[in-house]
Amino acid sequence: MDILYLLVPLSLVFVFLIGLLFRWSLAAGQFDDLEGPAHRILMDDDRAGGERADKPGGSPCAAGRIEQP
């Protein structure tokens, strides 16, 4: 029975922390676009070499499309 004096306040602290994390994720926009990533994975990427547009440093030489002399 004494363990309840520890577990009840500890569980209330956890519930409060989870609530704060959930509110932060809502404010940060984590749940704004739920369908976009699901549709994006189905779209074809017609660029040669499999290079992504959002990948930094993507150059034609890095993809192997232009040969170095």
N, C-alpha and C. Protein backbone atom coordinates (compact mmCIF):
# COMPACT_ATOMS: atom_id res chain seq x y z
N MET A 1 0.81 -1.19 0.00
CA MET A 1 0.00 0.00 0.00
C MET A 1 0.86 1.27 0.00
N ASP A 2 2.04 1.18 0.59
CA ASP A 2 2.92 2.34 0.65
C ASP A 2 3.45 2.72 -0.73
N ILE A 3 3.54 1.77 -1.63
CA ILE A 3 4.05 2.05 -2.97
C ILE A 3 3.13 3.00 -3.74
N LEU A 4 1.84 3.02 -3.38
CA LEU A 4 0.90 3.93 -4.04
C LEU A 4 1.26 5.39 -3.79
N TYR A 5 1.87 5.68 -2.64
CA TYR A 5 2.30 7.05 -2.37
C TYR A 5 3.40 7.50 -3.33
N LEU A 6 4.08 6.59 -3.92
CA LEU A 6 5.10 6.91 -4.93
C LEU A 6 4.53 6.83 -6.34
N LEU A 7 3.75 5.80 -6.62
CA LEU A 7 3.29 5.57 -7.99
C LEU A 7 2.24 6.56 -8.46
N VAL A 8 1.34 6.99 -7.61
CA VAL A 8 0.28 7.92 -8.03
C VAL A 8 0.87 9.29 -8.39
N PRO A 9 1.69 9.90 -7.54
CA PRO A 9 2.29 11.18 -7.95
C PRO A 9 3.22 11.04 -9.17
N LEU A 10 3.93 9.93 -9.26
CA LEU A 10 4.81 9.71 -10.40
C LEU A 10 4.01 9.58 -11.69
N SER A 11 2.89 8.90 -11.63
CA SER A 11 2.06 8.77 -12.83
C SER A 11 1.43 10.11 -13.20
N LEU A 12 1.08 10.93 -12.23
CA LEU A 12 0.54 12.26 -12.53
C LEU A 12 1.60 13.15 -13.18
N VAL A 13 2.83 13.03 -12.74
CA VAL A 13 3.92 13.79 -13.37
C VAL A 13 4.11 13.33 -14.81
N PHE A 14 4.07 12.04 -15.06
CA PHE A 14 4.20 11.52 -16.43
C PHE A 14 3.05 12.00 -17.32
N VAL A 15 1.85 11.99 -16.81
CA VAL A 15 0.70 12.46 -17.59
C VAL A 15 0.87 13.94 -17.92
N PHE A 16 1.33 14.73 -16.97
CA PHE A 16 1.56 16.15 -17.20
C PHE A 16 2.64 16.37 -18.26
N LEU A 17 3.74 15.61 -18.20
CA LEU A 17 4.81 15.74 -19.18
C LEU A 17 4.35 15.32 -20.58
N ILE A 18 3.60 14.26 -20.66
CA ILE A 18 3.08 13.81 -21.96
C ILE A 18 2.13 14.86 -22.53
N GLY A 19 1.31 15.46 -21.68
CA GLY A 19 0.42 16.52 -22.13
C GLY A 19 1.19 17.72 -22.66
N LEU A 20 2.28 18.10 -21.97
CA LEU A 20 3.11 19.20 -22.45
C LEU A 20 3.77 18.87 -23.79
N LEU A 21 4.26 17.66 -23.94
CA LEU A 21 4.88 17.26 -25.21
C LEU A 21 3.86 17.25 -26.34
N PHE A 22 2.65 16.83 -26.05
CA PHE A 22 1.61 16.82 -27.07
C PHE A 22 1.24 18.24 -27.49
N ARG A 23 1.11 19.13 -26.51
CA ARG A 23 0.80 20.54 -26.84
C ARG A 23 1.92 21.16 -27.64
N TRP A 24 3.18 20.84 -27.31
CA TRP A 24 4.32 21.36 -28.06
C TRP A 24 4.29 20.85 -29.50
N SER A 25 3.97 19.58 -29.69
CA SER A 25 3.93 19.04 -31.05
C SER A 25 2.80 19.66 -31.87
N LEU A 26 1.69 19.98 -31.23
CA LEU A 26 0.61 20.67 -31.94
C LEU A 26 1.04 22.08 -32.35
N ALA A 27 1.71 22.78 -31.45
CA ALA A 27 2.14 24.15 -31.74
C ALA A 27 3.26 24.17 -32.78
N ALA A 28 4.06 23.12 -32.85
CA ALA A 28 5.17 23.06 -33.79
C ALA A 28 4.73 22.63 -35.18
N GLY A 29 3.47 22.22 -35.33
CA GLY A 29 2.96 21.86 -36.65
C GLY A 29 3.24 20.42 -37.05
N GLN A 30 3.42 19.54 -36.10
CA GLN A 30 3.71 18.15 -36.42
C GLN A 30 2.53 17.44 -37.07
N PHE A 31 1.32 17.90 -36.81
CA PHE A 31 0.12 17.24 -37.33
C PHE A 31 -0.59 18.07 -38.39
N ASP A 32 0.11 19.02 -39.01
CA ASP A 32 -0.52 19.90 -40.01
C ASP A 32 -0.87 19.15 -41.28
N ASP A 33 0.05 18.37 -41.81
CA ASP A 33 -0.17 17.69 -43.08
C ASP A 33 -0.01 16.18 -42.88
N LEU A 34 -1.12 15.50 -42.65
CA LEU A 34 -1.05 14.06 -42.38
C LEU A 34 -1.04 13.23 -43.66
N GLU A 35 -1.58 13.77 -44.76
CA GLU A 35 -1.68 12.98 -45.99
C GLU A 35 -0.55 13.27 -46.97
N GLY A 36 0.16 14.37 -46.81
CA GLY A 36 1.21 14.76 -47.75
C GLY A 36 2.31 13.72 -47.90
N PRO A 37 2.92 13.23 -46.81
CA PRO A 37 3.97 12.23 -46.96
C PRO A 37 3.48 10.92 -47.60
N ALA A 38 2.23 10.57 -47.35
CA ALA A 38 1.69 9.34 -47.95
C ALA A 38 1.55 9.48 -49.46
N HIS A 39 1.18 10.67 -49.93
CA HIS A 39 1.05 10.89 -51.37
C HIS A 39 2.41 11.12 -52.02
N ARG A 40 3.33 11.75 -51.29
CA ARG A 40 4.65 12.06 -51.83
C ARG A 40 5.43 10.80 -52.17
N ILE A 41 5.24 9.74 -51.40
CA ILE A 41 5.99 8.51 -51.65
C ILE A 41 5.51 7.82 -52.93
N LEU A 42 4.28 8.11 -53.37
CA LEU A 42 3.75 7.50 -54.57
C LEU A 42 4.07 8.27 -55.84
N MET A 43 4.55 9.51 -55.71
CA MET A 43 4.85 10.33 -56.88
C MET A 43 6.14 9.85 -57.53
N ASP A 44 6.15 9.86 -58.87
CA ASP A 44 7.35 9.48 -59.61
C ASP A 44 8.38 10.60 -59.56
N ASP A 45 9.62 10.21 -59.50
CA ASP A 45 10.72 11.16 -59.56
C ASP A 45 11.43 10.93 -60.88
N ASP A 46 11.19 11.82 -61.85
CA ASP A 46 11.70 11.62 -63.20
C ASP A 46 13.12 12.12 -63.40
N ARG A 47 13.76 12.62 -62.37
CA ARG A 47 15.14 13.08 -62.51
C ARG A 47 16.07 11.90 -62.68
N ALA A 48 17.04 12.05 -63.57
CA ALA A 48 17.99 10.96 -63.84
C ALA A 48 18.95 10.81 -62.67
N GLY A 49 19.39 9.64 -62.42
CA GLY A 49 20.38 9.37 -61.39
C GLY A 49 19.81 9.21 -60.00
N GLY A 50 18.52 9.33 -59.84
CA GLY A 50 17.91 9.15 -58.53
C GLY A 50 18.23 10.28 -57.56
N GLU A 51 18.65 11.42 -58.08
CA GLU A 51 19.02 12.55 -57.25
C GLU A 51 17.78 13.24 -56.73
N ARG A 52 17.75 13.58 -55.47
CA ARG A 52 16.62 14.27 -54.89
C ARG A 52 16.87 15.77 -54.92
N ALA A 53 15.81 16.55 -55.11
CA ALA A 53 15.95 18.00 -55.20
C ALA A 53 16.29 18.60 -53.84
N ASP A 54 15.82 17.99 -52.75
CA ASP A 54 16.09 18.57 -51.44
C ASP A 54 17.40 18.09 -50.84
N LYS A 55 18.13 17.27 -51.56
CA LYS A 55 19.40 16.76 -51.08
C LYS A 55 20.49 17.80 -51.33
N PRO A 56 21.16 18.28 -50.28
CA PRO A 56 22.17 19.30 -50.49
C PRO A 56 23.41 18.73 -51.17
N GLY A 57 24.02 19.55 -52.00
CA GLY A 57 25.27 19.15 -52.64
C GLY A 57 25.09 18.21 -53.80
N GLY A 58 23.90 18.08 -54.32
CA GLY A 58 23.69 17.19 -55.46
C GLY A 58 24.17 17.84 -56.73
N SER A 59 25.21 17.31 -57.31
CA SER A 59 25.74 17.86 -58.55
C SER A 59 25.73 16.77 -59.61
N PRO A 60 25.75 17.15 -60.89
CA PRO A 60 25.76 16.13 -61.95
C PRO A 60 26.98 15.22 -61.86
N CYS A 61 28.11 15.75 -61.42
CA CYS A 61 29.32 14.93 -61.30
C CYS A 61 29.17 13.90 -60.18
N ALA A 62 28.52 14.32 -59.10
CA ALA A 62 28.36 13.42 -57.96
C ALA A 62 27.45 12.25 -58.30
N ALA A 63 26.50 12.45 -59.19
CA ALA A 63 25.57 11.39 -59.56
C ALA A 63 26.17 10.45 -60.60
N GLY A 64 27.32 10.82 -61.16
CA GLY A 64 27.97 9.96 -62.14
C GLY A 64 27.47 10.14 -63.55
N ARG A 65 26.72 11.21 -63.82
CA ARG A 65 26.20 11.41 -65.16
C ARG A 65 27.20 12.10 -66.07
N ILE A 66 28.11 12.86 -65.50
CA ILE A 66 29.14 13.53 -66.29
C ILE A 66 30.49 12.94 -65.90
N GLU A 67 31.20 12.47 -66.86
CA GLU A 67 32.49 11.85 -66.57
C GLU A 67 33.58 12.91 -66.50
N GLN A 68 34.45 12.73 -65.55
CA GLN A 68 35.59 13.63 -65.41
C GLN A 68 36.65 13.27 -66.45
N PRO A 69 37.35 14.28 -67.06
CA PRO A 69 38.39 13.97 -68.05
C PRO A 69 39.61 13.36 -67.41
